[in-house]
Every structure is written in C-alpha cells, then in structure tokens.
Amino acid sequence: MQCLDTLDLSFCNLTDGVLLDLLDSIGQLGALRILDLLDCKRLTQQLDTICVDWRIDWICNSLFQNFSALQHDISASDSLSLRVFTLTGNIPIPRWFDHREVGRSISVKLPENWYVSDNFLGFAVCYSGKLIDAIAHLICYDERPVTRITQKLALSNHSEEFQKSSIHFFLVPLTGLLDKSKANGKTPNDYGRIRIFSTGEMKEFGLRLLYKDKPKIEASCSSSQKQ
C-alpha cells in the first residue's frame, strides 16, 4: 500500500463512513498522487463538507509533511521535477492554505525572519485547472535593482490527463532557491516575497508556508491580496 500512487474510486457507491475512514488513512499513503472521487453521487453533500472543512489542518499538513519526507535529491538545477498530488472533481481550495488568489499567479508577502533553519520545509502550493509547468520567484525589494531568484517547476511531465475540474497539490522546496540565494550573497530572510506564476488559463491558487513545527511568525504572514 505504501507504493500506491493512484486510487480510483470514481462511480463507487461509497458511504460517508467509508470515505472518512479513507481520509483517516491518506497520511499513511506516502506515494499516493491521484485520488479520483468523480461521480460518487451518494457523497455529494458529504464532499461539500469535506472540501470546506475536511478536517483540513491535519489532512493537508499530513499530505505535505509526506511530500517533504519523499522529496529527495533536490539541487539547484534550472528545473525541479516535483511530486504532484491531484484530486479530480469540483473541489475548492482548502482553508488550510491561508493565502488564496485567483489569476495566473499568487504573490505572498513573507514575514520578517520567515526562514527558520531545520524547521522550514518549503512552500505548500495548490491550484485548480490544467496541470502545467510553473515558475517560483523569491524577491528582495531592499535594494535597487530588485533582486529576484527564479526556479522553474516541472509539473506537466506527469503523463496523466486530468479533467478541468481538478486540484493539484505540490511542495516547492527551498533547497534550489537557497543555493541560488547564497550565490547572490544573501540569506533566505533577505527575501520578502514569494510568487508562483503559471501560464495559460486563470486559476485559483492556494499557498502556505510549511514548517515541521508551526512558528509564531507564520500567523503574521499576510497575502498581498485580500482573501
């Protein structure tokens, strides 16, 4: 079961209790990338509840903690091939993502001293729609010209074709960006904004700073756009 990467439950006659048992176990499926609940009609009302509340904190946190544990051999290459977890169906951005925007990008102002060594795991990101490549920018405004480091995120090399009503989860690790930051003579905390950009259609984005243990500074981190 630990090697399971696709779980297709579409058109299944699931009951609410069975689905909740499944959600309780998702955190143990470290390789799971696709969970298809398409047209589980008996779960329509329950799915709405799950997508809004979803016991969201622990489910999303467990998912991304697994991402972090499985993300090996990340280097400062021009393009990172990231593990992507996809849910099909009309699912809104979970509330666990405390920064949400609609557009072709999400831009978040980072709090002072947001980077905590041995605690910060990366940027947890999700977006709805077609799975295509993205770009991550860390931006420093303290000097002119503005310093920007860029990392390409290879997402579209996953061969599965997903319907438009899908939501994709992935973790952007700091390692590649950090190596480039050191080359510029800067530390991560010199950068005050993270931006994730994706070409193509308008999307709904969610972003959260991911830590092993939640620090107090995270509560003060504010998005550039009202929720």
C-alpha atoms as a PDB file:
ATOM      1  CA  MET A   1       0.000   0.000   0.000  1.00  0.00           C
ATOM      2  CA  GLN A   2       2.877   2.400   0.641  1.00  0.00           C
ATOM      3  CA  CYS A   3       3.745   2.238  -3.087  1.00  0.00           C
ATOM      4  CA  LEU A   4       0.193   3.056  -4.235  1.00  0.00           C
ATOM      5  CA  ASP A   5       0.264   6.184  -6.412  1.00  0.00           C
ATOM      6  CA  THR A   6      -3.257   6.134  -7.938  1.00  0.00           C
ATOM      7  CA  LEU A   7      -6.556   5.385  -6.182  1.00  0.00           C
ATOM      8  CA  ASP A   8      -9.596   5.452  -8.496  1.00  0.00           C
ATOM      9  CA  LEU A   9     -12.868   5.422  -6.555  1.00  0.00           C
ATOM     10  CA  SER A  10     -14.925   7.111  -9.281  1.00  0.00           C
ATOM     11  CA  PHE A  11     -18.544   5.937  -9.589  1.00  0.00           C
ATOM     12  CA  CYS A  12     -18.183   3.891  -6.392  1.00  0.00           C
ATOM     13  CA  ASN A  13     -21.184   3.550  -4.107  1.00  0.00           C
ATOM     14  CA  LEU A  14     -19.284   4.838  -1.089  1.00  0.00           C
ATOM     15  CA  THR A  15     -20.937   5.718   2.183  1.00  0.00           C
ATOM     16  CA  ASP A  16     -19.857   8.682   4.267  1.00  0.00           C
ATOM     17  CA  GLY A  17     -18.298   6.456   6.915  1.00  0.00           C
ATOM     18  CA  VAL A  18     -16.155   4.609   4.386  1.00  0.00           C
ATOM     19  CA  LEU A  19     -14.863   7.881   2.942  1.00  0.00           C
ATOM     20  CA  LEU A  20     -13.953   9.251   6.366  1.00  0.00           C
ATOM     21  CA  ASP A  21     -12.047   6.033   7.102  1.00  0.00           C
ATOM     22  CA  LEU A  22     -10.233   6.549   3.805  1.00  0.00           C
ATOM     23  CA  LEU A  23      -9.322  10.128   4.675  1.00  0.00           C
ATOM     24  CA  ASP A  24      -8.001   8.960   8.040  1.00  0.00           C
ATOM     25  CA  SER A  25      -5.567   6.707   6.139  1.00  0.00           C
ATOM     26  CA  ILE A  26      -4.405   9.121   3.441  1.00  0.00           C
ATOM     27  CA  GLY A  27      -1.494  10.354   5.525  1.00  0.00           C
ATOM     28  CA  GLN A  28      -0.076   6.802   5.509  1.00  0.00           C
ATOM     29  CA  LEU A  29      -0.071   6.582   1.699  1.00  0.00           C
ATOM     30  CA  GLY A  30       3.178   8.396   1.113  1.00  0.00           C
ATOM     31  CA  ALA A  31       3.328   7.685  -2.648  1.00  0.00           C
ATOM     32  CA  LEU A  32      -0.337   8.481  -3.388  1.00  0.00           C
ATOM     33  CA  ARG A  33      -0.608  11.177  -6.049  1.00  0.00           C
ATOM     34  CA  ILE A  34      -4.086  10.754  -7.572  1.00  0.00           C
ATOM     35  CA  LEU A  35      -7.360  10.264  -5.675  1.00  0.00           C
ATOM     36  CA  ASP A  36     -10.374  10.147  -8.017  1.00  0.00           C
ATOM     37  CA  LEU A  37     -13.787  10.601  -6.345  1.00  0.00           C
ATOM     38  CA  LEU A  38     -15.584  11.572  -9.554  1.00  0.00           C
ATOM     39  CA  ASP A  39     -19.347  10.952  -9.587  1.00  0.00           C
ATOM     40  CA  CYS A  40     -19.578   9.400  -6.116  1.00  0.00           C
ATOM     41  CA  LYS A  41     -23.156  10.632  -6.023  1.00  0.00           C
ATOM     42  CA  ARG A  42     -24.041   9.415  -2.545  1.00  0.00           C
ATOM     43  CA  LEU A  43     -21.225  11.568  -1.192  1.00  0.00           C
ATOM     44  CA  THR A  44     -22.312  14.851  -2.793  1.00  0.00           C
ATOM     45  CA  GLN A  45     -23.348  16.535   0.448  1.00  0.00           C
ATOM     46  CA  GLN A  46     -20.547  14.987   2.465  1.00  0.00           C
ATOM     47  CA  LEU A  47     -17.950  16.008  -0.123  1.00  0.00           C
ATOM     48  CA  ASP A  48     -19.070  19.612   0.146  1.00  0.00           C
ATOM     49  CA  THR A  49     -18.478  19.408   3.888  1.00  0.00           C
ATOM     50  CA  ILE A  50     -15.127  17.707   3.424  1.00  0.00           C
ATOM     51  CA  CYS A  51     -13.917  20.192   0.837  1.00  0.00           C
ATOM     52  CA  VAL A  52     -14.747  23.167   3.037  1.00  0.00           C
ATOM     53  CA  ASP A  53     -13.753  21.736   6.423  1.00  0.00           C
ATOM     54  CA  TRP A  54     -12.126  18.413   5.520  1.00  0.00           C
ATOM     55  CA  ARG A  55     -10.608  18.252   8.988  1.00  0.00           C
ATOM     56  CA  ILE A  56      -8.421  20.343   6.806  1.00  0.00           C
ATOM     57  CA  ASP A  57      -5.492  21.158   9.049  1.00  0.00           C
ATOM     58  CA  TRP A  58      -4.379  17.635   9.733  1.00  0.00           C
ATOM     59  CA  ILE A  59      -5.176  16.180   6.299  1.00  0.00           C
ATOM     60  CA  CYS A  60      -3.324  18.871   4.356  1.00  0.00           C
ATOM     61  CA  ASN A  61      -0.497  19.059   6.866  1.00  0.00           C
ATOM     62  CA  SER A  62      -0.058  15.276   6.743  1.00  0.00           C
ATOM     63  CA  LEU A  63      -0.044  15.312   2.943  1.00  0.00           C
ATOM     64  CA  PHE A  64       2.658  17.976   2.727  1.00  0.00           C
ATOM     65  CA  GLN A  65       4.753  16.514   5.534  1.00  0.00           C
ATOM     66  CA  ASN A  66       4.840  13.355   3.389  1.00  0.00           C
ATOM     67  CA  PHE A  67       5.815  15.432   0.365  1.00  0.00           C
ATOM     68  CA  SER A  68       8.745  16.809   2.330  1.00  0.00           C
ATOM     69  CA  ALA A  69       9.868  13.384   3.525  1.00  0.00           C
ATOM     70  CA  LEU A  70       9.762  11.977  -0.018  1.00  0.00           C
ATOM     71  CA  GLN A  71      11.412  14.926  -1.763  1.00  0.00           C
ATOM     72  CA  HIS A  72      14.992  13.717  -2.193  1.00  0.00           C
ATOM     73  CA  ASP A  73      17.943  14.802  -4.315  1.00  0.00           C
ATOM     74  CA  ILE A  74      16.770  18.379  -4.818  1.00  0.00           C
ATOM     75  CA  SER A  75      19.542  20.561  -6.228  1.00  0.00           C
ATOM     76  CA  ALA A  76      19.995  23.990  -7.738  1.00  0.00           C
ATOM     77  CA  SER A  77      19.199  22.813 -11.277  1.00  0.00           C
ATOM     78  CA  ASP A  78      17.267  25.088 -13.607  1.00  0.00           C
ATOM     79  CA  SER A  79      14.134  22.963 -13.341  1.00  0.00           C
ATOM     80  CA  LEU A  80      12.715  20.943 -10.451  1.00  0.00           C
ATOM     81  CA  SER A  81      10.531  17.919 -11.208  1.00  0.00           C
ATOM     82  CA  LEU A  82       8.091  17.892  -8.324  1.00  0.00           C
ATOM     83  CA  ARG A  83       5.791  15.244  -6.910  1.00  0.00           C
ATOM     84  CA  VAL A  84       2.182  16.246  -7.581  1.00  0.00           C
ATOM     85  CA  PHE A  85      -0.958  15.002  -5.824  1.00  0.00           C
ATOM     86  CA  THR A  86      -4.183  15.511  -7.802  1.00  0.00           C
ATOM     87  CA  LEU A  87      -7.836  15.327  -6.782  1.00  0.00           C
ATOM     88  CA  THR A  88     -10.459  15.307  -9.526  1.00  0.00           C
ATOM     89  CA  GLY A  89     -13.872  16.843  -9.053  1.00  0.00           C
ATOM     90  CA  ASN A  90     -15.160  20.310  -8.273  1.00  0.00           C
ATOM     91  CA  ILE A  91     -13.107  20.853  -5.106  1.00  0.00           C
ATOM     92  CA  PRO A  92     -12.406  24.340  -3.714  1.00  0.00           C
ATOM     93  CA  ILE A  93      -9.035  25.424  -2.353  1.00  0.00           C
ATOM     94  CA  PRO A  94      -8.831  24.034   1.212  1.00  0.00           C
ATOM     95  CA  ARG A  95      -8.942  26.596   4.003  1.00  0.00           C
ATOM     96  CA  TRP A  96      -5.646  25.245   5.333  1.00  0.00           C
ATOM     97  CA  PHE A  97      -3.998  27.359   2.621  1.00  0.00           C
ATOM     98  CA  ASP A  98      -4.073  30.711   4.364  1.00  0.00           C
ATOM     99  CA  HIS A  99      -3.250  32.631   1.174  1.00  0.00           C
ATOM    100  CA  ARG A 100      -5.628  32.290  -1.784  1.00  0.00           C
ATOM    101  CA  GLU A 101      -5.827  34.215  -5.047  1.00  0.00           C
ATOM    102  CA  VAL A 102      -7.487  33.892  -8.447  1.00  0.00           C
ATOM    103  CA  GLY A 103      -5.406  34.639 -11.532  1.00  0.00           C
ATOM    104  CA  ARG A 104      -2.282  33.329 -13.231  1.00  0.00           C
ATOM    105  CA  SER A 105      -0.124  33.719 -10.148  1.00  0.00           C
ATOM    106  CA  ILE A 106      -0.139  34.028  -6.387  1.00  0.00           C
ATOM    107  CA  SER A 107       2.107  36.545  -4.621  1.00  0.00           C
ATOM    108  CA  VAL A 108       2.610  36.430  -0.859  1.00  0.00           C
ATOM    109  CA  LYS A 109       4.471  38.881   1.364  1.00  0.00           C
ATOM    110  CA  LEU A 110       6.743  36.959   3.710  1.00  0.00           C
ATOM    111  CA  PRO A 111       7.006  37.876   7.393  1.00  0.00           C
ATOM    112  CA  GLU A 112      10.250  39.004   8.960  1.00  0.00           C
ATOM    113  CA  ASN A 113      12.537  36.064   9.770  1.00  0.00           C
ATOM    114  CA  TRP A 114      10.202  33.638   7.994  1.00  0.00           C
ATOM    115  CA  TYR A 115      13.041  31.209   7.330  1.00  0.00           C
ATOM    116  CA  VAL A 116      13.874  29.082  10.359  1.00  0.00           C
ATOM    117  CA  SER A 117      16.743  26.658   9.796  1.00  0.00           C
ATOM    118  CA  ASP A 118      15.871  22.971  10.368  1.00  0.00           C
ATOM    119  CA  ASN A 119      12.178  23.897  10.669  1.00  0.00           C
ATOM    120  CA  PHE A 120      11.096  25.436   7.356  1.00  0.00           C
ATOM    121  CA  LEU A 121      10.180  22.721   4.820  1.00  0.00           C
ATOM    122  CA  GLY A 122       9.065  24.710   1.794  1.00  0.00           C
ATOM    123  CA  PHE A 123       6.076  26.399   0.188  1.00  0.00           C
ATOM    124  CA  ALA A 124       2.903  24.288   0.073  1.00  0.00           C
ATOM    125  CA  VAL A 125       1.020  25.162  -3.113  1.00  0.00           C
ATOM    126  CA  CYS A 126      -2.194  24.095  -4.788  1.00  0.00           C
ATOM    127  CA  TYR A 127      -4.082  25.294  -7.827  1.00  0.00           C
ATOM    128  CA  SER A 128      -7.131  24.284  -9.819  1.00  0.00           C
ATOM    129  CA  GLY A 129      -7.367  23.550 -13.535  1.00  0.00           C
ATOM    130  CA  LYS A 130      -4.962  22.096 -16.086  1.00  0.00           C
ATOM    131  CA  LEU A 131      -1.654  20.746 -14.801  1.00  0.00           C
ATOM    132  CA  ILE A 132       1.133  22.747 -16.464  1.00  0.00           C
ATOM    133  CA  ASP A 133       4.608  23.945 -15.517  1.00  0.00           C
ATOM    134  CA  ALA A 134       5.061  26.895 -13.173  1.00  0.00           C
ATOM    135  CA  ILE A 135       7.791  29.290 -12.038  1.00  0.00           C
ATOM    136  CA  ALA A 136       8.721  30.288  -8.484  1.00  0.00           C
ATOM    137  CA  HIS A 137      10.248  33.696  -7.702  1.00  0.00           C
ATOM    138  CA  LEU A 138      11.813  34.828  -4.428  1.00  0.00           C
ATOM    139  CA  ILE A 139      12.002  38.628  -4.474  1.00  0.00           C
ATOM    140  CA  CYS A 140      14.086  41.092  -2.434  1.00  0.00           C
ATOM    141  CA  TYR A 141      12.967  44.748  -2.506  1.00  0.00           C
ATOM    142  CA  ASP A 142      15.637  46.114  -0.154  1.00  0.00           C
ATOM    143  CA  GLU A 143      17.871  47.345  -2.943  1.00  0.00           C
ATOM    144  CA  ARG A 144      17.715  48.649  -6.500  1.00  0.00           C
ATOM    145  CA  PRO A 145      17.531  46.981  -8.870  1.00  0.00           C
ATOM    146  CA  VAL A 146      15.206  44.485  -7.214  1.00  0.00           C
ATOM    147  CA  THR A 147      16.887  41.102  -6.644  1.00  0.00           C
ATOM    148  CA  ARG A 148      14.934  38.123  -7.902  1.00  0.00           C
ATOM    149  CA  ILE A 149      15.842  34.432  -7.978  1.00  0.00           C
ATOM    150  CA  THR A 150      13.848  32.087 -10.175  1.00  0.00           C
ATOM    151  CA  GLN A 151      13.164  28.359 -10.167  1.00  0.00           C
ATOM    152  CA  LYS A 152      11.289  26.503 -12.900  1.00  0.00           C
ATOM    153  CA  LEU A 153       8.839  23.906 -11.577  1.00  0.00           C
ATOM    154  CA  ALA A 154       8.336  20.903 -13.868  1.00  0.00           C
ATOM    155  CA  LEU A 155       4.784  19.712 -13.247  1.00  0.00           C
ATOM    156  CA  SER A 156       3.475  18.773 -16.690  1.00  0.00           C
ATOM    157  CA  ASN A 157       5.807  15.799 -17.126  1.00  0.00           C
ATOM    158  CA  HIS A 158       3.180  13.704 -15.333  1.00  0.00           C
ATOM    159  CA  SER A 159       1.586  11.759 -18.183  1.00  0.00           C
ATOM    160  CA  GLU A 160      -1.956  11.522 -16.811  1.00  0.00           C
ATOM    161  CA  GLU A 161      -4.618  13.679 -18.423  1.00  0.00           C
ATOM    162  CA  PHE A 162      -6.803  15.384 -15.849  1.00  0.00           C
ATOM    163  CA  GLN A 163     -10.158  16.988 -16.389  1.00  0.00           C
ATOM    164  CA  LYS A 164     -10.511  20.726 -15.907  1.00  0.00           C
ATOM    165  CA  SER A 165     -12.222  20.286 -12.544  1.00  0.00           C
ATOM    166  CA  SER A 166      -9.076  19.074 -10.783  1.00  0.00           C
ATOM    167  CA  ILE A 167      -6.977  20.453  -7.964  1.00  0.00           C
ATOM    168  CA  HIS A 168      -3.222  19.858  -7.766  1.00  0.00           C
ATOM    169  CA  PHE A 169      -1.029  19.906  -4.654  1.00  0.00           C
ATOM    170  CA  PHE A 170       2.772  20.192  -4.652  1.00  0.00           C
ATOM    171  CA  LEU A 171       5.584  21.335  -2.375  1.00  0.00           C
ATOM    172  CA  VAL A 172       8.185  23.845  -3.576  1.00  0.00           C
ATOM    173  CA  PRO A 173      11.312  23.079  -1.514  1.00  0.00           C
ATOM    174  CA  LEU A 174      13.677  25.901  -0.662  1.00  0.00           C
ATOM    175  CA  THR A 175      16.868  23.990  -1.484  1.00  0.00           C
ATOM    176  CA  GLY A 176      17.266  25.017  -5.124  1.00  0.00           C
ATOM    177  CA  LEU A 177      16.297  28.613  -4.397  1.00  0.00           C
ATOM    178  CA  LEU A 178      18.551  28.673  -1.331  1.00  0.00           C
ATOM    179  CA  ASP A 179      21.625  27.655  -3.335  1.00  0.00           C
ATOM    180  CA  LYS A 180      20.970  30.495  -5.781  1.00  0.00           C
ATOM    181  CA  SER A 181      20.420  32.886  -2.870  1.00  0.00           C
ATOM    182  CA  LYS A 182      23.824  32.028  -1.402  1.00  0.00           C
ATOM    183  CA  ALA A 183      25.388  32.688  -4.798  1.00  0.00           C
ATOM    184  CA  ASN A 184      23.970  36.228  -4.578  1.00  0.00           C
ATOM    185  CA  GLY A 185      25.454  36.705  -1.111  1.00  0.00           C
ATOM    186  CA  LYS A 186      22.029  36.744   0.553  1.00  0.00           C
ATOM    187  CA  THR A 187      20.167  34.698   3.124  1.00  0.00           C
ATOM    188  CA  PRO A 188      16.555  33.497   2.694  1.00  0.00           C
ATOM    189  CA  ASN A 189      15.320  36.111   5.174  1.00  0.00           C
ATOM    190  CA  ASP A 190      16.615  38.860   2.869  1.00  0.00           C
ATOM    191  CA  TYR A 191      13.771  37.952   0.526  1.00  0.00           C
ATOM    192  CA  GLY A 192      10.382  39.397   1.359  1.00  0.00           C
ATOM    193  CA  ARG A 193       8.024  37.924  -1.210  1.00  0.00           C
ATOM    194  CA  ILE A 194       7.281  34.568  -2.870  1.00  0.00           C
ATOM    195  CA  ARG A 195       5.469  34.451  -6.197  1.00  0.00           C
ATOM    196  CA  ILE A 196       4.252  31.342  -8.030  1.00  0.00           C
ATOM    197  CA  PHE A 197       3.413  32.006 -11.679  1.00  0.00           C
ATOM    198  CA  SER A 198       1.740  29.692 -14.189  1.00  0.00           C
ATOM    199  CA  THR A 199       0.910  30.453 -17.806  1.00  0.00           C
ATOM    200  CA  GLY A 200      -2.384  29.702 -19.504  1.00  0.00           C
ATOM    201  CA  GLU A 201      -5.879  29.937 -18.100  1.00  0.00           C
ATOM    202  CA  MET A 202      -6.926  31.720 -14.931  1.00  0.00           C
ATOM    203  CA  LYS A 203      -6.615  29.514 -11.854  1.00  0.00           C
ATOM    204  CA  GLU A 204      -7.476  29.524  -8.192  1.00  0.00           C
ATOM    205  CA  PHE A 205      -4.279  29.308  -6.139  1.00  0.00           C
ATOM    206  CA  GLY A 206      -3.535  28.466  -2.528  1.00  0.00           C
ATOM    207  CA  LEU A 207      -0.205  28.836  -0.709  1.00  0.00           C
ATOM    208  CA  ARG A 208       1.065  28.205   2.804  1.00  0.00           C
ATOM    209  CA  LEU A 209       4.497  28.277   4.401  1.00  0.00           C
ATOM    210  CA  LEU A 210       5.203  24.761   5.658  1.00  0.00           C
ATOM    211  CA  TYR A 211       7.119  24.065   8.867  1.00  0.00           C
ATOM    212  CA  LYS A 212       7.879  20.945  10.883  1.00  0.00           C
ATOM    213  CA  ASP A 213       6.556  22.812  13.905  1.00  0.00           C
ATOM    214  CA  LYS A 214       4.408  25.890  13.358  1.00  0.00           C
ATOM    215  CA  PRO A 215       6.310  29.017  14.481  1.00  0.00           C
ATOM    216  CA  LYS A 216       4.654  32.147  15.812  1.00  0.00           C
ATOM    217  CA  ILE A 217       5.783  34.202  12.817  1.00  0.00           C
ATOM    218  CA  GLU A 218       3.523  32.260  10.467  1.00  0.00           C
ATOM    219  CA  ALA A 219       0.442  33.857  11.943  1.00  0.00           C
ATOM    220  CA  SER A 220       1.700  37.297  10.902  1.00  0.00           C
ATOM    221  CA  CYS A 221       2.361  36.342   7.289  1.00  0.00           C
ATOM    222  CA  SER A 222      -0.085  38.228   5.085  1.00  0.00           C
ATOM    223  CA  SER A 223      -1.055  37.866   1.460  1.00  0.00           C
ATOM    224  CA  SER A 224      -0.756  40.708  -0.986  1.00  0.00           C
ATOM    225  CA  GLN A 225      -4.428  40.327  -1.802  1.00  0.00           C
ATOM    226  CA  LYS A 226      -7.456  40.187   0.453  1.00  0.00           C
ATOM    227  CA  GLN A 227      -8.929  36.743   0.914  1.00  0.00           C
END
